[in-house]
Amino acid sequence: MKAFILGAAIGYVLGAKAGRGRYDQIMRTYRKIADHPAVQGAAGIARAKVGEKTGLGRTKGTAQQSNGLREPAFAKP
């Protein structure tokens, strides 16, 4: 617990020194990477595999369409 608090404190201080401009630059890069179609595809595959292993792939009240989108179970296609 002490290590976590120390790490958080160091991160806060270094982040404060870097400033808002650096934070915005990091977030723009993160969003560009996270929104890339290849990354989205890999994330979808990873989610599906985790869902298969854990049984958490489907939620109550939704039906899985063949294109991977979810819709309410009561909706008629």
N, C-alpha and C. Protein backbone atom coordinates (compact mmCIF):
# COMPACT_ATOMS: atom_id res chain seq x y z
N MET A 1 0.83 -1.19 0.00
CA MET A 1 0.00 0.00 0.00
C MET A 1 0.88 1.26 0.00
N LYS A 2 1.96 1.21 0.76
CA LYS A 2 2.86 2.36 0.79
C LYS A 2 3.48 2.61 -0.58
N ALA A 3 3.81 1.52 -1.29
CA ALA A 3 4.42 1.66 -2.61
C ALA A 3 3.44 2.30 -3.59
N PHE A 4 2.17 1.93 -3.49
CA PHE A 4 1.15 2.52 -4.36
C PHE A 4 1.01 4.02 -4.10
N ILE A 5 0.95 4.39 -2.85
CA ILE A 5 0.80 5.81 -2.49
C ILE A 5 2.03 6.58 -2.93
N LEU A 6 3.21 6.01 -2.74
CA LEU A 6 4.44 6.67 -3.17
C LEU A 6 4.44 6.83 -4.69
N GLY A 7 4.05 5.79 -5.42
CA GLY A 7 4.00 5.87 -6.87
C GLY A 7 3.01 6.92 -7.35
N ALA A 8 1.85 6.97 -6.70
CA ALA A 8 0.84 7.97 -7.06
C ALA A 8 1.37 9.38 -6.80
N ALA A 9 2.04 9.57 -5.70
CA ALA A 9 2.59 10.89 -5.36
C ALA A 9 3.66 11.31 -6.37
N ILE A 10 4.53 10.38 -6.73
CA ILE A 10 5.59 10.70 -7.71
C ILE A 10 4.95 11.02 -9.06
N GLY A 11 3.97 10.22 -9.47
CA GLY A 11 3.29 10.48 -10.73
C GLY A 11 2.60 11.83 -10.75
N TYR A 12 2.01 12.19 -9.61
CA TYR A 12 1.33 13.49 -9.52
C TYR A 12 2.33 14.63 -9.67
N VAL A 13 3.45 14.53 -8.98
CA VAL A 13 4.46 15.59 -9.03
C VAL A 13 5.03 15.72 -10.43
N LEU A 14 5.39 14.57 -11.05
CA LEU A 14 5.95 14.63 -12.39
C LEU A 14 4.92 15.13 -13.39
N GLY A 15 3.68 14.74 -13.22
CA GLY A 15 2.63 15.22 -14.11
C GLY A 15 2.40 16.71 -13.97
N ALA A 16 2.46 17.18 -12.74
CA ALA A 16 2.27 18.62 -12.50
C ALA A 16 3.40 19.43 -13.12
N LYS A 17 4.62 18.89 -13.07
CA LYS A 17 5.75 19.59 -13.67
C LYS A 17 5.66 19.60 -15.19
N ALA A 18 5.16 18.50 -15.77
CA ALA A 18 5.06 18.42 -17.23
C ALA A 18 4.04 19.42 -17.76
N GLY A 19 2.99 19.65 -17.01
CA GLY A 19 2.00 20.65 -17.39
C GLY A 19 0.88 20.10 -18.25
N ARG A 20 -0.09 20.95 -18.48
CA ARG A 20 -1.29 20.58 -19.22
C ARG A 20 -1.00 20.28 -20.69
N GLY A 21 -0.05 21.02 -21.26
CA GLY A 21 0.28 20.80 -22.67
C GLY A 21 0.77 19.39 -22.93
N ARG A 22 1.63 18.89 -22.06
CA ARG A 22 2.15 17.52 -22.22
C ARG A 22 1.02 16.51 -22.01
N TYR A 23 0.15 16.76 -21.04
CA TYR A 23 -0.99 15.87 -20.80
C TYR A 23 -1.87 15.79 -22.04
N ASP A 24 -2.17 16.95 -22.64
CA ASP A 24 -2.99 16.97 -23.84
C ASP A 24 -2.32 16.22 -24.98
N GLN A 25 -1.00 16.36 -25.11
CA GLN A 25 -0.27 15.65 -26.15
C GLN A 25 -0.36 14.14 -25.94
N ILE A 26 -0.19 13.68 -24.72
CA ILE A 26 -0.28 12.25 -24.42
C ILE A 26 -1.69 11.74 -24.71
N MET A 27 -2.71 12.49 -24.34
CA MET A 27 -4.09 12.06 -24.56
C MET A 27 -4.43 12.02 -26.06
N ARG A 28 -3.92 12.98 -26.84
CA ARG A 28 -4.16 12.95 -28.29
C ARG A 28 -3.55 11.70 -28.91
N THR A 29 -2.33 11.37 -28.49
CA THR A 29 -1.67 10.17 -29.00
C THR A 29 -2.43 8.92 -28.58
N TYR A 30 -2.86 8.87 -27.33
CA TYR A 30 -3.63 7.72 -26.84
C TYR A 30 -4.90 7.54 -27.65
N ARG A 31 -5.63 8.62 -27.87
CA ARG A 31 -6.90 8.53 -28.61
C ARG A 31 -6.68 8.11 -30.06
N LYS A 32 -5.58 8.63 -30.66
CA LYS A 32 -5.28 8.26 -32.04
C LYS A 32 -5.01 6.75 -32.13
N ILE A 33 -4.27 6.23 -31.18
CA ILE A 33 -3.97 4.79 -31.17
C ILE A 33 -5.22 3.99 -30.84
N ALA A 34 -5.95 4.39 -29.82
CA ALA A 34 -7.13 3.64 -29.39
C ALA A 34 -8.22 3.64 -30.44
N ASP A 35 -8.31 4.67 -31.26
CA ASP A 35 -9.36 4.75 -32.28
C ASP A 35 -8.96 4.11 -33.60
N HIS A 36 -7.72 3.63 -33.72
CA HIS A 36 -7.26 3.00 -34.96
C HIS A 36 -8.04 1.71 -35.19
N PRO A 37 -8.50 1.47 -36.42
CA PRO A 37 -9.30 0.27 -36.70
C PRO A 37 -8.62 -1.05 -36.33
N ALA A 38 -7.32 -1.15 -36.52
CA ALA A 38 -6.61 -2.39 -36.16
C ALA A 38 -6.65 -2.63 -34.66
N VAL A 39 -6.51 -1.57 -33.88
CA VAL A 39 -6.56 -1.70 -32.42
C VAL A 39 -7.98 -2.05 -31.99
N GLN A 40 -8.97 -1.43 -32.61
CA GLN A 40 -10.36 -1.74 -32.29
C GLN A 40 -10.67 -3.21 -32.58
N GLY A 41 -10.18 -3.70 -33.71
CA GLY A 41 -10.40 -5.11 -34.07
C GLY A 41 -9.76 -6.05 -33.07
N ALA A 42 -8.53 -5.75 -32.69
CA ALA A 42 -7.83 -6.59 -31.72
C ALA A 42 -8.53 -6.56 -30.37
N ALA A 43 -9.04 -5.39 -29.98
CA ALA A 43 -9.76 -5.29 -28.71
C ALA A 43 -11.04 -6.11 -28.75
N GLY A 44 -11.73 -6.10 -29.88
CA GLY A 44 -12.94 -6.89 -30.02
C GLY A 44 -12.66 -8.38 -29.92
N ILE A 45 -11.58 -8.82 -30.55
CA ILE A 45 -11.20 -10.23 -30.47
C ILE A 45 -10.85 -10.60 -29.03
N ALA A 46 -10.09 -9.74 -28.37
CA ALA A 46 -9.71 -10.00 -26.98
C ALA A 46 -10.95 -10.07 -26.08
N ARG A 47 -11.91 -9.13 -26.29
CA ARG A 47 -13.15 -9.15 -25.51
C ARG A 47 -13.92 -10.45 -25.73
N ALA A 48 -13.97 -10.89 -26.98
CA ALA A 48 -14.70 -12.12 -27.29
C ALA A 48 -14.05 -13.33 -26.62
N LYS A 49 -12.72 -13.39 -26.66
CA LYS A 49 -12.02 -14.52 -26.03
C LYS A 49 -12.20 -14.52 -24.52
N VAL A 50 -12.13 -13.34 -23.92
CA VAL A 50 -12.36 -13.25 -22.47
C VAL A 50 -13.79 -13.66 -22.15
N GLY A 51 -14.73 -13.24 -22.98
CA GLY A 51 -16.12 -13.61 -22.78
C GLY A 51 -16.33 -15.11 -22.88
N GLU A 52 -15.65 -15.75 -23.82
CA GLU A 52 -15.75 -17.21 -23.96
C GLU A 52 -15.20 -17.91 -22.73
N LYS A 53 -14.09 -17.44 -22.23
CA LYS A 53 -13.43 -18.08 -21.09
C LYS A 53 -14.20 -17.87 -19.79
N THR A 54 -14.81 -16.69 -19.64
CA THR A 54 -15.46 -16.36 -18.37
C THR A 54 -16.97 -16.52 -18.42
N GLY A 55 -17.54 -16.63 -19.60
CA GLY A 55 -18.98 -16.72 -19.73
C GLY A 55 -19.66 -15.37 -19.58
N LEU A 56 -18.88 -14.30 -19.64
CA LEU A 56 -19.44 -12.95 -19.49
C LEU A 56 -19.64 -12.26 -20.82
N GLY A 57 -19.58 -13.00 -21.91
CA GLY A 57 -19.68 -12.40 -23.24
C GLY A 57 -21.05 -11.86 -23.56
N ARG A 58 -22.11 -12.39 -22.96
CA ARG A 58 -23.47 -11.92 -23.22
C ARG A 58 -24.06 -11.38 -21.94
N THR A 59 -24.79 -10.31 -22.07
CA THR A 59 -25.45 -9.75 -20.90
C THR A 59 -26.93 -10.03 -20.97
N LYS A 60 -27.58 -10.08 -19.86
CA LYS A 60 -29.01 -10.35 -19.79
C LYS A 60 -29.79 -9.25 -20.50
N GLY A 61 -30.76 -9.66 -21.33
CA GLY A 61 -31.61 -8.68 -21.99
C GLY A 61 -31.10 -8.19 -23.31
N THR A 62 -30.01 -8.76 -23.83
CA THR A 62 -29.53 -8.36 -25.14
C THR A 62 -29.32 -9.59 -26.00
N ALA A 63 -29.39 -9.41 -27.30
CA ALA A 63 -29.14 -10.49 -28.25
C ALA A 63 -27.98 -10.08 -29.13
N GLN A 64 -27.13 -11.03 -29.46
CA GLN A 64 -25.97 -10.76 -30.28
C GLN A 64 -26.36 -10.87 -31.75
N GLN A 65 -26.09 -9.84 -32.55
CA GLN A 65 -26.34 -9.89 -33.98
C GLN A 65 -25.12 -10.51 -34.65
N SER A 66 -25.27 -10.94 -35.89
CA SER A 66 -24.16 -11.55 -36.61
C SER A 66 -23.04 -10.56 -36.89
N ASN A 67 -23.34 -9.26 -36.92
CA ASN A 67 -22.30 -8.26 -37.18
C ASN A 67 -21.60 -7.80 -35.91
N GLY A 68 -21.92 -8.40 -34.76
CA GLY A 68 -21.25 -8.06 -33.52
C GLY A 68 -21.92 -6.97 -32.71
N LEU A 69 -22.96 -6.31 -33.27
CA LEU A 69 -23.65 -5.26 -32.53
C LEU A 69 -24.71 -5.87 -31.63
N ARG A 70 -25.01 -5.20 -30.54
CA ARG A 70 -26.03 -5.69 -29.62
C ARG A 70 -27.30 -4.90 -29.81
N GLU A 71 -28.42 -5.59 -29.63
CA GLU A 71 -29.71 -4.91 -29.66
C GLU A 71 -30.56 -5.54 -28.56
N PRO A 72 -31.60 -4.85 -28.12
CA PRO A 72 -32.47 -5.43 -27.09
C PRO A 72 -33.04 -6.76 -27.57
N ALA A 73 -33.20 -7.71 -26.64
CA ALA A 73 -33.67 -9.05 -26.98
C ALA A 73 -35.08 -9.02 -27.55
N PHE A 74 -35.88 -8.02 -27.19
CA PHE A 74 -37.26 -7.97 -27.63
C PHE A 74 -37.41 -7.37 -29.03
N ALA A 75 -36.36 -6.77 -29.58
CA ALA A 75 -36.43 -6.13 -30.89
C ALA A 75 -36.48 -7.19 -31.99
N LYS A 76 -37.29 -6.95 -33.00
CA LYS A 76 -37.41 -7.86 -34.14
C LYS A 76 -36.55 -7.30 -35.28
N PRO A 77 -35.66 -8.12 -35.84
CA PRO A 77 -34.81 -7.62 -36.95
C PRO A 77 -35.57 -7.42 -38.23
